[in-house]
Amino acid sequence: MTQVVNWKPYDSIELLAEAACQRVLQAAETAIAAKGEFKLVLAGGTAPVKAYQLLATKQQDWSKWHIYYGDERCLPVDDSERNSLVAEQKWLDLVAIPKAQIHPMAAELGAEAGAEQYAKVVAEAGTFDLVLLGMGEDGHTASLFPGHVHNADELTHAVHNSPKPPSDRVSISAKALSNTAELIFIVSGDKHDALAAWKNKEDIPVTHLCPASGVDVLLSV
């Protein structure tokens, strides 16, 4: 399937984060009205975390929210570089989402064990309502890196030799991340080369995400 992209530029990272926050709230309202629950996949990165801080200030029926992670670093659960720890500190610990509905990756067990465990979580989740992703300077997203080869049919991947530390990670696959009602990239910082490659439809990880609804890219660069 060919990726369909809708580009949405913003003048500052603050406006970008506010727009991302509003998109999450809209998706939650739609999903909860339709089926009584909202399944959201979180991204790491500066701009997404700013959006999470805004979400922490909102009044919501948090009991209907289910939280997943697109990727995680193979580090101890209390390491400040963990995506899950940052999301908890800035948002999830501050609202009333039931703990059983927050699904961190057991990446502390190692890449293979963590990926195996999370594949079961992803399979049980089925179709997500909203997936949030960032993009690195090399065009990577989640922990899907240029030049890395994975089994395209898997739901999760054990990642080794990451070009950014730590070298071992767990990631949801492009196939599973594309199984969503909405997919939003939140991109900030100096990403001009990667954005040019993306717009030229070059073979970089961000171009492998092809949900049926297309992809929205919210960016401030």
N, C-alpha and C. Protein backbone atom coordinates (compact mmCIF):
# COMPACT_ATOMS: atom_id res chain seq x y z
N MET A 1 0.84 -1.19 0.00
CA MET A 1 0.00 0.00 0.00
C MET A 1 0.88 1.25 0.00
N THR A 2 0.52 2.23 -0.83
CA THR A 2 1.27 3.48 -0.89
C THR A 2 0.86 4.39 0.26
N GLN A 3 1.86 5.01 0.88
CA GLN A 3 1.58 5.91 1.99
C GLN A 3 0.98 7.22 1.48
N VAL A 4 -0.11 7.64 2.12
CA VAL A 4 -0.74 8.92 1.83
C VAL A 4 -0.46 9.85 3.00
N VAL A 5 0.17 11.01 2.72
CA VAL A 5 0.63 11.89 3.79
C VAL A 5 -0.07 13.25 3.70
N ASN A 6 -0.50 13.73 4.86
CA ASN A 6 -1.09 15.07 4.99
C ASN A 6 -0.17 15.89 5.89
N TRP A 7 0.50 16.89 5.33
CA TRP A 7 1.48 17.69 6.06
C TRP A 7 0.80 18.86 6.75
N LYS A 8 1.08 19.06 8.05
CA LYS A 8 0.46 20.14 8.83
C LYS A 8 1.55 20.88 9.60
N PRO A 9 2.07 22.00 9.05
CA PRO A 9 3.14 22.75 9.73
C PRO A 9 2.61 23.68 10.82
N TYR A 10 3.43 23.85 11.86
CA TYR A 10 3.12 24.77 12.95
C TYR A 10 4.33 25.68 13.20
N ASP A 11 4.06 26.88 13.73
CA ASP A 11 5.10 27.88 13.85
C ASP A 11 5.99 27.70 15.07
N SER A 12 5.58 26.86 16.00
CA SER A 12 6.40 26.65 17.20
C SER A 12 6.11 25.27 17.77
N ILE A 13 7.02 24.79 18.61
CA ILE A 13 6.82 23.48 19.23
C ILE A 13 5.65 23.53 20.20
N GLU A 14 5.39 24.71 20.78
CA GLU A 14 4.25 24.84 21.69
C GLU A 14 2.92 24.67 20.94
N LEU A 15 2.82 25.30 19.78
CA LEU A 15 1.61 25.14 18.97
C LEU A 15 1.48 23.71 18.46
N LEU A 16 2.61 23.11 18.14
CA LEU A 16 2.61 21.72 17.70
C LEU A 16 2.09 20.80 18.80
N ALA A 17 2.58 20.99 20.02
CA ALA A 17 2.14 20.16 21.14
C ALA A 17 0.67 20.35 21.44
N GLU A 18 0.19 21.58 21.36
CA GLU A 18 -1.23 21.85 21.59
C GLU A 18 -2.09 21.17 20.54
N ALA A 19 -1.65 21.22 19.29
CA ALA A 19 -2.40 20.56 18.22
C ALA A 19 -2.42 19.04 18.43
N ALA A 20 -1.29 18.48 18.82
CA ALA A 20 -1.23 17.04 19.08
C ALA A 20 -2.15 16.66 20.23
N CYS A 21 -2.13 17.46 21.29
CA CYS A 21 -3.01 17.21 22.43
C CYS A 21 -4.48 17.21 21.99
N GLN A 22 -4.87 18.18 21.19
CA GLN A 22 -6.26 18.26 20.75
C GLN A 22 -6.63 17.08 19.86
N ARG A 23 -5.71 16.62 19.03
CA ARG A 23 -5.98 15.46 18.18
C ARG A 23 -6.19 14.20 19.02
N VAL A 24 -5.41 14.07 20.09
CA VAL A 24 -5.59 12.92 20.98
C VAL A 24 -6.96 12.97 21.64
N LEU A 25 -7.34 14.14 22.12
CA LEU A 25 -8.65 14.28 22.78
C LEU A 25 -9.79 14.00 21.81
N GLN A 26 -9.67 14.47 20.57
CA GLN A 26 -10.70 14.21 19.57
C GLN A 26 -10.82 12.72 19.27
N ALA A 27 -9.66 12.06 19.12
CA ALA A 27 -9.67 10.63 18.83
C ALA A 27 -10.28 9.84 19.99
N ALA A 28 -9.97 10.27 21.22
CA ALA A 28 -10.54 9.61 22.39
C ALA A 28 -12.06 9.75 22.42
N GLU A 29 -12.53 10.95 22.15
CA GLU A 29 -13.98 11.19 22.16
C GLU A 29 -14.68 10.32 21.11
N THR A 30 -14.10 10.25 19.92
CA THR A 30 -14.68 9.46 18.84
C THR A 30 -14.72 7.98 19.19
N ALA A 31 -13.59 7.46 19.69
CA ALA A 31 -13.50 6.03 19.99
C ALA A 31 -14.41 5.63 21.14
N ILE A 32 -14.43 6.45 22.19
CA ILE A 32 -15.23 6.12 23.36
C ILE A 32 -16.72 6.17 23.02
N ALA A 33 -17.11 7.15 22.19
CA ALA A 33 -18.52 7.23 21.77
C ALA A 33 -18.91 6.01 20.94
N ALA A 34 -17.97 5.51 20.14
CA ALA A 34 -18.29 4.41 19.23
C ALA A 34 -18.26 3.06 19.92
N LYS A 35 -17.31 2.85 20.86
CA LYS A 35 -17.15 1.50 21.39
C LYS A 35 -16.73 1.44 22.86
N GLY A 36 -16.76 2.58 23.53
CA GLY A 36 -16.57 2.57 24.96
C GLY A 36 -15.15 2.46 25.45
N GLU A 37 -14.15 2.56 24.55
CA GLU A 37 -12.76 2.52 24.97
C GLU A 37 -11.89 3.21 23.92
N PHE A 38 -10.68 3.58 24.34
CA PHE A 38 -9.75 4.31 23.48
C PHE A 38 -8.37 3.69 23.64
N LYS A 39 -7.83 3.19 22.54
CA LYS A 39 -6.52 2.52 22.55
C LYS A 39 -5.50 3.40 21.85
N LEU A 40 -4.54 3.90 22.63
CA LEU A 40 -3.57 4.90 22.19
C LEU A 40 -2.15 4.36 22.31
N VAL A 41 -1.36 4.51 21.25
CA VAL A 41 0.06 4.14 21.27
C VAL A 41 0.89 5.41 21.40
N LEU A 42 1.79 5.44 22.38
CA LEU A 42 2.59 6.62 22.66
C LEU A 42 3.94 6.58 21.97
N ALA A 43 4.42 7.78 21.64
CA ALA A 43 5.77 7.97 21.10
C ALA A 43 6.65 8.61 22.16
N GLY A 44 7.96 8.45 22.01
CA GLY A 44 8.91 9.22 22.81
C GLY A 44 9.24 10.51 22.07
N GLY A 45 10.10 11.33 22.66
CA GLY A 45 10.54 12.55 21.99
C GLY A 45 10.01 13.80 22.66
N THR A 46 10.65 14.93 22.35
CA THR A 46 10.38 16.20 23.02
C THR A 46 8.96 16.69 22.80
N ALA A 47 8.55 16.78 21.54
CA ALA A 47 7.21 17.33 21.25
C ALA A 47 6.08 16.44 21.77
N PRO A 48 6.15 15.11 21.58
CA PRO A 48 5.11 14.28 22.18
C PRO A 48 5.00 14.45 23.70
N VAL A 49 6.15 14.54 24.38
CA VAL A 49 6.11 14.69 25.83
C VAL A 49 5.46 16.02 26.23
N LYS A 50 5.69 17.06 25.45
CA LYS A 50 5.00 18.33 25.72
C LYS A 50 3.49 18.17 25.57
N ALA A 51 3.08 17.36 24.61
CA ALA A 51 1.64 17.08 24.46
C ALA A 51 1.11 16.30 25.65
N TYR A 52 1.90 15.36 26.16
CA TYR A 52 1.47 14.58 27.33
C TYR A 52 1.29 15.49 28.55
N GLN A 53 2.18 16.46 28.70
CA GLN A 53 2.04 17.39 29.83
C GLN A 53 0.74 18.17 29.73
N LEU A 54 0.34 18.54 28.52
CA LEU A 54 -0.94 19.22 28.33
C LEU A 54 -2.10 18.28 28.65
N LEU A 55 -2.01 17.03 28.22
CA LEU A 55 -3.07 16.06 28.49
C LEU A 55 -3.28 15.87 29.99
N ALA A 56 -2.20 15.97 30.75
CA ALA A 56 -2.29 15.78 32.20
C ALA A 56 -3.18 16.83 32.86
N THR A 57 -3.43 17.95 32.17
CA THR A 57 -4.23 19.04 32.75
C THR A 57 -5.70 18.94 32.36
N LYS A 58 -6.06 17.97 31.53
CA LYS A 58 -7.41 17.89 30.99
C LYS A 58 -8.31 17.00 31.84
N GLN A 59 -9.60 17.29 31.80
CA GLN A 59 -10.60 16.45 32.46
C GLN A 59 -11.14 15.45 31.44
N GLN A 60 -10.95 14.16 31.71
CA GLN A 60 -11.37 13.12 30.79
C GLN A 60 -11.93 11.94 31.59
N ASP A 61 -12.68 11.07 30.92
CA ASP A 61 -13.06 9.81 31.53
C ASP A 61 -11.90 8.84 31.31
N TRP A 62 -10.89 8.98 32.15
CA TRP A 62 -9.65 8.22 31.97
C TRP A 62 -9.87 6.72 32.11
N SER A 63 -10.96 6.31 32.71
CA SER A 63 -11.21 4.87 32.90
C SER A 63 -11.39 4.13 31.59
N LYS A 64 -11.62 4.88 30.49
CA LYS A 64 -11.84 4.27 29.18
C LYS A 64 -10.56 4.22 28.33
N TRP A 65 -9.46 4.77 28.85
CA TRP A 65 -8.23 4.88 28.08
C TRP A 65 -7.35 3.64 28.28
N HIS A 66 -6.74 3.18 27.19
CA HIS A 66 -5.77 2.08 27.22
C HIS A 66 -4.50 2.58 26.54
N ILE A 67 -3.37 2.44 27.22
CA ILE A 67 -2.11 3.04 26.77
C ILE A 67 -1.10 1.96 26.38
N TYR A 68 -0.50 2.15 25.21
CA TYR A 68 0.54 1.25 24.70
C TYR A 68 1.75 2.10 24.30
N TYR A 69 2.86 1.42 24.04
CA TYR A 69 4.09 2.11 23.66
C TYR A 69 4.58 1.59 22.32
N GLY A 70 5.01 2.53 21.45
CA GLY A 70 5.52 2.12 20.15
C GLY A 70 6.86 1.43 20.23
N ASP A 71 7.68 1.83 21.20
CA ASP A 71 8.99 1.20 21.37
C ASP A 71 9.51 1.50 22.76
N GLU A 72 10.57 0.79 23.12
CA GLU A 72 11.19 1.00 24.43
C GLU A 72 12.66 0.60 24.37
N ARG A 73 13.44 1.29 25.17
CA ARG A 73 14.87 0.98 25.30
C ARG A 73 15.05 -0.13 26.33
N CYS A 74 16.00 -1.02 26.08
CA CYS A 74 16.27 -2.12 27.02
C CYS A 74 17.11 -1.60 28.17
N LEU A 75 16.44 -0.99 29.12
CA LEU A 75 17.05 -0.38 30.30
C LEU A 75 16.20 -0.74 31.52
N PRO A 76 16.75 -0.57 32.73
CA PRO A 76 15.95 -0.82 33.93
C PRO A 76 14.68 0.04 33.94
N VAL A 77 13.65 -0.45 34.61
CA VAL A 77 12.35 0.23 34.57
C VAL A 77 12.41 1.64 35.15
N ASP A 78 13.40 1.92 36.01
CA ASP A 78 13.49 3.24 36.63
C ASP A 78 14.52 4.14 35.95
N ASP A 79 15.00 3.74 34.77
CA ASP A 79 15.98 4.55 34.06
C ASP A 79 15.29 5.75 33.41
N SER A 80 15.90 6.92 33.53
CA SER A 80 15.28 8.16 33.05
C SER A 80 15.16 8.20 31.53
N GLU A 81 15.87 7.31 30.82
CA GLU A 81 15.79 7.26 29.36
C GLU A 81 14.65 6.37 28.86
N ARG A 82 13.94 5.72 29.75
CA ARG A 82 12.81 4.88 29.34
C ARG A 82 11.64 5.76 28.89
N ASN A 83 11.04 5.44 27.75
CA ASN A 83 9.85 6.16 27.31
C ASN A 83 8.73 6.05 28.33
N SER A 84 8.60 4.86 28.93
CA SER A 84 7.50 4.64 29.87
C SER A 84 7.65 5.52 31.11
N LEU A 85 8.88 5.66 31.62
CA LEU A 85 9.08 6.46 32.82
C LEU A 85 8.75 7.93 32.57
N VAL A 86 9.19 8.45 31.43
CA VAL A 86 8.90 9.85 31.10
C VAL A 86 7.39 10.07 30.98
N ALA A 87 6.70 9.17 30.27
CA ALA A 87 5.24 9.31 30.12
C ALA A 87 4.53 9.23 31.45
N GLU A 88 5.00 8.34 32.32
CA GLU A 88 4.39 8.22 33.66
C GLU A 88 4.58 9.50 34.46
N GLN A 89 5.80 10.03 34.47
CA GLN A 89 6.09 11.20 35.29
C GLN A 89 5.37 12.44 34.79
N LYS A 90 5.26 12.60 33.48
CA LYS A 90 4.69 13.82 32.92
C LYS A 90 3.17 13.77 32.76
N TRP A 91 2.61 12.55 32.78
CA TRP A 91 1.18 12.44 32.49
C TRP A 91 0.48 11.30 33.22
N LEU A 92 0.89 10.07 32.97
CA LEU A 92 0.07 8.92 33.37
C LEU A 92 -0.09 8.78 34.88
N ASP A 93 0.94 9.13 35.64
CA ASP A 93 0.83 9.06 37.11
C ASP A 93 -0.04 10.17 37.68
N LEU A 94 -0.39 11.15 36.85
CA LEU A 94 -1.12 12.32 37.32
C LEU A 94 -2.62 12.24 37.02
N VAL A 95 -3.03 11.19 36.30
CA VAL A 95 -4.45 11.02 35.95
C VAL A 95 -4.90 9.62 36.35
N ALA A 96 -6.21 9.37 36.20
CA ALA A 96 -6.80 8.17 36.79
C ALA A 96 -7.00 7.04 35.77
N ILE A 97 -6.04 6.86 34.86
CA ILE A 97 -6.09 5.69 33.98
C ILE A 97 -5.77 4.46 34.82
N PRO A 98 -6.63 3.44 34.82
CA PRO A 98 -6.34 2.24 35.62
C PRO A 98 -5.00 1.63 35.23
N LYS A 99 -4.21 1.23 36.23
CA LYS A 99 -2.87 0.69 35.96
C LYS A 99 -2.92 -0.52 35.05
N ALA A 100 -3.97 -1.32 35.15
CA ALA A 100 -4.08 -2.52 34.31
C ALA A 100 -4.29 -2.17 32.85
N GLN A 101 -4.63 -0.91 32.56
CA GLN A 101 -4.87 -0.46 31.19
C GLN A 101 -3.67 0.30 30.61
N ILE A 102 -2.59 0.32 31.37
CA ILE A 102 -1.33 0.89 30.88
C ILE A 102 -0.38 -0.27 30.64
N HIS A 103 0.14 -0.37 29.41
CA HIS A 103 0.88 -1.56 28.98
C HIS A 103 2.31 -1.21 28.60
N PRO A 104 3.21 -1.08 29.58
CA PRO A 104 4.62 -0.84 29.25
C PRO A 104 5.25 -2.10 28.66
N MET A 105 6.31 -1.89 27.89
CA MET A 105 7.08 -3.02 27.36
C MET A 105 8.06 -3.52 28.42
N ALA A 106 8.18 -4.83 28.54
CA ALA A 106 9.14 -5.42 29.49
C ALA A 106 10.52 -5.48 28.86
N ALA A 107 10.98 -4.32 28.37
CA ALA A 107 12.27 -4.27 27.68
C ALA A 107 13.44 -4.53 28.62
N GLU A 108 13.20 -4.37 29.91
CA GLU A 108 14.26 -4.67 30.88
C GLU A 108 14.65 -6.14 30.87
N LEU A 109 13.81 -6.99 30.28
CA LEU A 109 14.10 -8.43 30.18
C LEU A 109 15.04 -8.75 29.03
N GLY A 110 15.32 -7.75 28.18
CA GLY A 110 16.11 -7.97 26.98
C GLY A 110 15.24 -7.87 25.75
N ALA A 111 15.87 -7.65 24.60
CA ALA A 111 15.12 -7.37 23.38
C ALA A 111 14.22 -8.54 22.98
N GLU A 112 14.77 -9.77 22.97
CA GLU A 112 13.97 -10.91 22.52
C GLU A 112 12.79 -11.19 23.45
N ALA A 113 13.07 -11.25 24.73
CA ALA A 113 12.01 -11.55 25.69
C ALA A 113 10.97 -10.43 25.72
N GLY A 114 11.45 -9.19 25.65
CA GLY A 114 10.52 -8.06 25.65
C GLY A 114 9.62 -8.05 24.43
N ALA A 115 10.21 -8.35 23.26
CA ALA A 115 9.43 -8.37 22.03
C ALA A 115 8.41 -9.50 22.05
N GLU A 116 8.83 -10.64 22.55
CA GLU A 116 7.91 -11.79 22.61
C GLU A 116 6.73 -11.48 23.52
N GLN A 117 7.03 -10.89 24.67
CA GLN A 117 5.96 -10.54 25.61
C GLN A 117 5.01 -9.51 25.01
N TYR A 118 5.56 -8.51 24.33
CA TYR A 118 4.70 -7.43 23.84
C TYR A 118 3.92 -7.82 22.61
N ALA A 119 4.40 -8.82 21.87
CA ALA A 119 3.63 -9.31 20.72
C ALA A 119 2.26 -9.82 21.18
N LYS A 120 2.22 -10.43 22.36
CA LYS A 120 0.95 -10.91 22.90
C LYS A 120 0.03 -9.74 23.25
N VAL A 121 0.60 -8.69 23.79
CA VAL A 121 -0.17 -7.49 24.14
C VAL A 121 -0.75 -6.85 22.89
N VAL A 122 0.08 -6.73 21.85
CA VAL A 122 -0.36 -6.12 20.60
C VAL A 122 -1.44 -6.97 19.94
N ALA A 123 -1.26 -8.28 19.95
CA ALA A 123 -2.26 -9.18 19.36
C ALA A 123 -3.60 -9.03 20.06
N GLU A 124 -3.57 -8.93 21.37
CA GLU A 124 -4.81 -8.79 22.15
C GLU A 124 -5.46 -7.43 21.89
N ALA A 125 -4.64 -6.40 21.67
CA ALA A 125 -5.18 -5.06 21.43
C ALA A 125 -5.92 -4.98 20.11
N GLY A 126 -5.42 -5.69 19.10
CA GLY A 126 -6.05 -5.61 17.78
C GLY A 126 -5.79 -4.26 17.14
N THR A 127 -6.83 -3.67 16.58
CA THR A 127 -6.69 -2.38 15.91
C THR A 127 -6.63 -1.25 16.93
N PHE A 128 -5.61 -0.40 16.82
CA PHE A 128 -5.49 0.77 17.69
C PHE A 128 -6.41 1.88 17.19
N ASP A 129 -6.72 2.82 18.07
CA ASP A 129 -7.51 3.98 17.67
C ASP A 129 -6.63 5.12 17.21
N LEU A 130 -5.49 5.30 17.86
CA LEU A 130 -4.55 6.36 17.47
C LEU A 130 -3.14 5.91 17.80
N VAL A 131 -2.25 6.05 16.84
CA VAL A 131 -0.82 5.79 17.04
C VAL A 131 -0.09 7.12 16.89
N LEU A 132 0.71 7.46 17.89
CA LEU A 132 1.58 8.64 17.83
C LEU A 132 3.01 8.16 17.57
N LEU A 133 3.68 8.83 16.65
CA LEU A 133 5.07 8.50 16.33
C LEU A 133 5.88 9.77 16.18
N GLY A 134 7.16 9.67 16.45
CA GLY A 134 8.09 10.73 16.15
C GLY A 134 8.96 10.32 14.97
N MET A 135 9.96 11.15 14.65
CA MET A 135 10.91 10.81 13.60
C MET A 135 12.28 11.33 13.98
N GLY A 136 13.30 10.50 13.79
CA GLY A 136 14.67 10.92 14.05
C GLY A 136 15.30 11.57 12.83
N GLU A 137 16.50 12.11 13.02
CA GLU A 137 17.20 12.81 11.94
C GLU A 137 17.51 11.88 10.77
N ASP A 138 17.56 10.56 11.03
CA ASP A 138 17.85 9.58 9.98
C ASP A 138 16.59 8.97 9.37
N GLY A 139 15.43 9.47 9.77
CA GLY A 139 14.18 8.94 9.25
C GLY A 139 13.66 7.73 10.01
N HIS A 140 14.28 7.42 11.16
CA HIS A 140 13.75 6.30 11.94
C HIS A 140 12.49 6.73 12.69
N THR A 141 11.68 5.75 13.03
CA THR A 141 10.49 6.00 13.84
C THR A 141 10.27 4.80 14.75
N ALA A 142 9.69 5.04 15.94
CA ALA A 142 9.72 4.03 17.01
C ALA A 142 11.19 3.58 17.11
N SER A 143 11.47 2.28 17.13
CA SER A 143 12.87 1.83 17.03
C SER A 143 13.06 1.03 15.75
N LEU A 144 12.48 1.56 14.67
CA LEU A 144 12.66 1.01 13.33
C LEU A 144 13.68 1.89 12.62
N PHE A 145 14.88 1.34 12.39
CA PHE A 145 16.01 2.13 11.91
C PHE A 145 16.36 1.80 10.47
N PRO A 146 16.93 2.79 9.74
CA PRO A 146 17.36 2.53 8.36
C PRO A 146 18.37 1.37 8.31
N GLY A 147 18.20 0.52 7.33
CA GLY A 147 19.15 -0.57 7.13
C GLY A 147 18.88 -1.81 7.96
N HIS A 148 18.00 -1.72 8.94
CA HIS A 148 17.67 -2.89 9.75
C HIS A 148 16.61 -3.72 9.03
N VAL A 149 16.80 -5.01 9.00
CA VAL A 149 15.88 -5.92 8.32
C VAL A 149 15.10 -6.72 9.37
N HIS A 150 13.78 -6.68 9.28
CA HIS A 150 12.93 -7.42 10.20
C HIS A 150 11.91 -8.24 9.40
N ASN A 151 11.38 -9.25 10.04
CA ASN A 151 10.28 -10.02 9.45
C ASN A 151 9.04 -9.14 9.40
N ALA A 152 8.58 -8.84 8.19
CA ALA A 152 7.49 -7.88 8.01
C ALA A 152 6.17 -8.38 8.60
N ASP A 153 6.06 -9.68 8.86
CA ASP A 153 4.80 -10.23 9.38
C ASP A 153 4.72 -10.22 10.90
N GLU A 154 5.81 -9.87 11.57
CA GLU A 154 5.81 -9.87 13.03
C GLU A 154 5.06 -8.66 13.57
N LEU A 155 4.54 -8.81 14.78
CA LEU A 155 3.88 -7.69 15.45
C LEU A 155 4.86 -6.81 16.20
N THR A 156 5.94 -7.41 16.66
CA THR A 156 6.99 -6.68 17.38
C THR A 156 8.35 -7.16 16.89
N HIS A 157 9.37 -6.34 17.15
CA HIS A 157 10.74 -6.71 16.76
C HIS A 157 11.69 -6.54 17.95
N ALA A 158 12.59 -7.49 18.08
CA ALA A 158 13.76 -7.30 18.93
C ALA A 158 14.79 -6.54 18.12
N VAL A 159 15.24 -5.40 18.63
CA VAL A 159 16.14 -4.52 17.89
C VAL A 159 17.52 -4.55 18.53
N HIS A 160 18.53 -4.80 17.71
CA HIS A 160 19.92 -4.76 18.16
C HIS A 160 20.70 -3.78 17.29
N ASN A 161 21.84 -3.36 17.78
CA ASN A 161 22.73 -2.46 17.01
C ASN A 161 22.03 -1.17 16.61
N SER A 162 21.24 -0.62 17.52
CA SER A 162 20.64 0.69 17.27
C SER A 162 21.75 1.73 17.06
N PRO A 163 21.62 2.60 16.07
CA PRO A 163 22.63 3.64 15.88
C PRO A 163 22.62 4.68 17.00
N LYS A 164 21.57 4.70 17.79
CA LYS A 164 21.52 5.57 18.96
C LYS A 164 21.47 4.68 20.20
N PRO A 165 22.22 5.02 21.26
CA PRO A 165 22.20 4.18 22.46
C PRO A 165 20.86 4.24 23.16
N PRO A 166 20.50 3.19 23.90
CA PRO A 166 21.21 1.90 23.97
C PRO A 166 20.99 1.08 22.70
N SER A 167 21.87 0.12 22.47
CA SER A 167 21.84 -0.62 21.21
C SER A 167 20.67 -1.60 21.14
N ASP A 168 20.18 -2.05 22.30
CA ASP A 168 19.09 -3.03 22.32
C ASP A 168 17.77 -2.35 22.67
N ARG A 169 16.74 -2.69 21.90
CA ARG A 169 15.43 -2.07 22.07
C ARG A 169 14.34 -3.06 21.69
N VAL A 170 13.10 -2.69 21.97
CA VAL A 170 11.91 -3.42 21.51
C VAL A 170 11.05 -2.43 20.75
N SER A 171 10.49 -2.85 19.62
CA SER A 171 9.63 -1.97 18.84
C SER A 171 8.42 -2.72 18.33
N ILE A 172 7.27 -2.04 18.30
CA ILE A 172 6.15 -2.55 17.52
C ILE A 172 6.53 -2.44 16.05
N SER A 173 6.07 -3.38 15.25
CA SER A 173 6.42 -3.42 13.83
C SER A 173 5.65 -2.36 13.04
N ALA A 174 6.15 -2.07 11.84
CA ALA A 174 5.45 -1.15 10.95
C ALA A 174 4.06 -1.67 10.62
N LYS A 175 3.95 -2.97 10.44
CA LYS A 175 2.64 -3.58 10.14
C LYS A 175 1.65 -3.33 11.27
N ALA A 176 2.06 -3.59 12.52
CA ALA A 176 1.15 -3.42 13.65
C ALA A 176 0.86 -1.96 13.93
N LEU A 177 1.86 -1.08 13.76
CA LEU A 177 1.63 0.35 13.97
C LEU A 177 0.68 0.91 12.91
N SER A 178 0.64 0.29 11.75
CA SER A 178 -0.26 0.73 10.68
C SER A 178 -1.69 0.24 10.88
N ASN A 179 -1.88 -0.69 11.83
CA ASN A 179 -3.21 -1.23 12.11
C ASN A 179 -3.92 -0.31 13.11
N THR A 180 -4.31 0.86 12.61
CA THR A 180 -4.86 1.90 13.48
C THR A 180 -5.85 2.75 12.71
N ALA A 181 -6.83 3.28 13.44
CA ALA A 181 -7.80 4.18 12.82
C ALA A 181 -7.15 5.49 12.40
N GLU A 182 -6.18 5.98 13.21
CA GLU A 182 -5.46 7.22 12.90
C GLU A 182 -4.00 7.05 13.24
N LEU A 183 -3.14 7.67 12.43
CA LEU A 183 -1.70 7.67 12.73
C LEU A 183 -1.19 9.09 12.56
N ILE A 184 -0.56 9.60 13.61
CA ILE A 184 -0.05 10.97 13.61
C ILE A 184 1.44 10.96 13.95
N PHE A 185 2.25 11.55 13.07
CA PHE A 185 3.64 11.82 13.38
C PHE A 185 3.74 13.22 13.99
N ILE A 186 4.54 13.34 15.05
CA ILE A 186 4.79 14.62 15.70
C ILE A 186 6.29 14.89 15.54
N VAL A 187 6.64 15.85 14.69
CA VAL A 187 8.02 16.04 14.27
C VAL A 187 8.48 17.46 14.60
N SER A 188 9.58 17.56 15.33
CA SER A 188 10.15 18.88 15.65
C SER A 188 11.66 18.81 15.55
N GLY A 189 12.28 19.97 15.48
CA GLY A 189 13.74 20.02 15.43
C GLY A 189 14.27 20.00 14.01
N ASP A 190 15.59 19.86 13.88
CA ASP A 190 16.27 19.94 12.59
C ASP A 190 16.19 18.59 11.88
N LYS A 191 15.12 18.39 11.14
CA LYS A 191 14.89 17.11 10.45
C LYS A 191 14.78 17.32 8.93
N HIS A 192 15.41 18.37 8.42
CA HIS A 192 15.20 18.75 7.03
C HIS A 192 15.59 17.65 6.05
N ASP A 193 16.73 16.99 6.29
CA ASP A 193 17.18 15.95 5.36
C ASP A 193 16.20 14.78 5.35
N ALA A 194 15.76 14.37 6.54
CA ALA A 194 14.83 13.25 6.62
C ALA A 194 13.47 13.62 6.01
N LEU A 195 13.03 14.85 6.24
CA LEU A 195 11.76 15.28 5.65
C LEU A 195 11.85 15.31 4.13
N ALA A 196 12.99 15.76 3.60
CA ALA A 196 13.18 15.78 2.14
C ALA A 196 13.14 14.36 1.58
N ALA A 197 13.80 13.44 2.27
CA ALA A 197 13.80 12.04 1.83
C ALA A 197 12.39 11.46 1.88
N TRP A 198 11.65 11.82 2.93
CA TRP A 198 10.27 11.35 3.08
C TRP A 198 9.40 11.87 1.93
N LYS A 199 9.51 13.17 1.66
CA LYS A 199 8.69 13.76 0.59
C LYS A 199 9.05 13.19 -0.78
N ASN A 200 10.30 12.74 -0.91
CA ASN A 200 10.74 12.10 -2.16
C ASN A 200 10.42 10.61 -2.20
N LYS A 201 9.72 10.13 -1.14
CA LYS A 201 9.31 8.72 -1.06
C LYS A 201 10.50 7.76 -1.10
N GLU A 202 11.60 8.18 -0.46
CA GLU A 202 12.76 7.30 -0.36
C GLU A 202 12.50 6.19 0.66
N ASP A 203 13.32 5.17 0.61
CA ASP A 203 13.13 3.99 1.46
C ASP A 203 13.73 4.24 2.84
N ILE A 204 13.00 4.96 3.67
CA ILE A 204 13.38 5.17 5.06
C ILE A 204 12.22 4.67 5.92
N PRO A 205 12.47 4.36 7.19
CA PRO A 205 11.42 3.72 8.01
C PRO A 205 10.09 4.45 8.05
N VAL A 206 10.08 5.78 8.09
CA VAL A 206 8.80 6.50 8.20
C VAL A 206 7.89 6.24 6.99
N THR A 207 8.47 5.87 5.84
CA THR A 207 7.63 5.64 4.66
C THR A 207 6.96 4.28 4.69
N HIS A 208 7.31 3.44 5.65
CA HIS A 208 6.77 2.08 5.72
C HIS A 208 5.45 2.01 6.48
N LEU A 209 5.03 3.12 7.06
CA LEU A 209 3.77 3.15 7.82
C LEU A 209 2.64 3.51 6.87
N CYS A 210 1.74 2.58 6.64
CA CYS A 210 0.70 2.78 5.62
C CYS A 210 -0.69 2.39 6.12
N PRO A 211 -1.22 3.10 7.11
CA PRO A 211 -2.60 2.82 7.52
C PRO A 211 -3.58 3.23 6.43
N ALA A 212 -4.74 2.58 6.44
CA ALA A 212 -5.73 2.84 5.40
C ALA A 212 -6.20 4.29 5.40
N SER A 213 -6.19 4.92 6.57
CA SER A 213 -6.67 6.30 6.69
C SER A 213 -5.63 7.33 6.29
N GLY A 214 -4.40 6.90 5.95
CA GLY A 214 -3.32 7.81 5.66
C GLY A 214 -2.60 8.26 6.91
N VAL A 215 -1.65 9.15 6.74
CA VAL A 215 -0.78 9.61 7.81
C VAL A 215 -0.85 11.13 7.90
N ASP A 216 -1.02 11.65 9.10
CA ASP A 216 -0.92 13.09 9.34
C ASP A 216 0.44 13.39 9.96
N VAL A 217 1.14 14.38 9.41
CA VAL A 217 2.43 14.78 9.96
C VAL A 217 2.30 16.20 10.50
N LEU A 218 2.31 16.31 11.83
CA LEU A 218 2.31 17.61 12.49
C LEU A 218 3.77 18.00 12.72
N LEU A 219 4.21 19.14 12.18
CA LEU A 219 5.63 19.42 12.29
C LEU A 219 5.92 20.87 12.59
N SER A 220 7.00 21.06 13.34
CA SER A 220 7.56 22.37 13.63
C SER A 220 9.07 22.23 13.51
N VAL A 221 9.62 22.69 12.41
CA VAL A 221 11.07 22.51 12.14
C VAL A 221 11.70 23.82 11.71
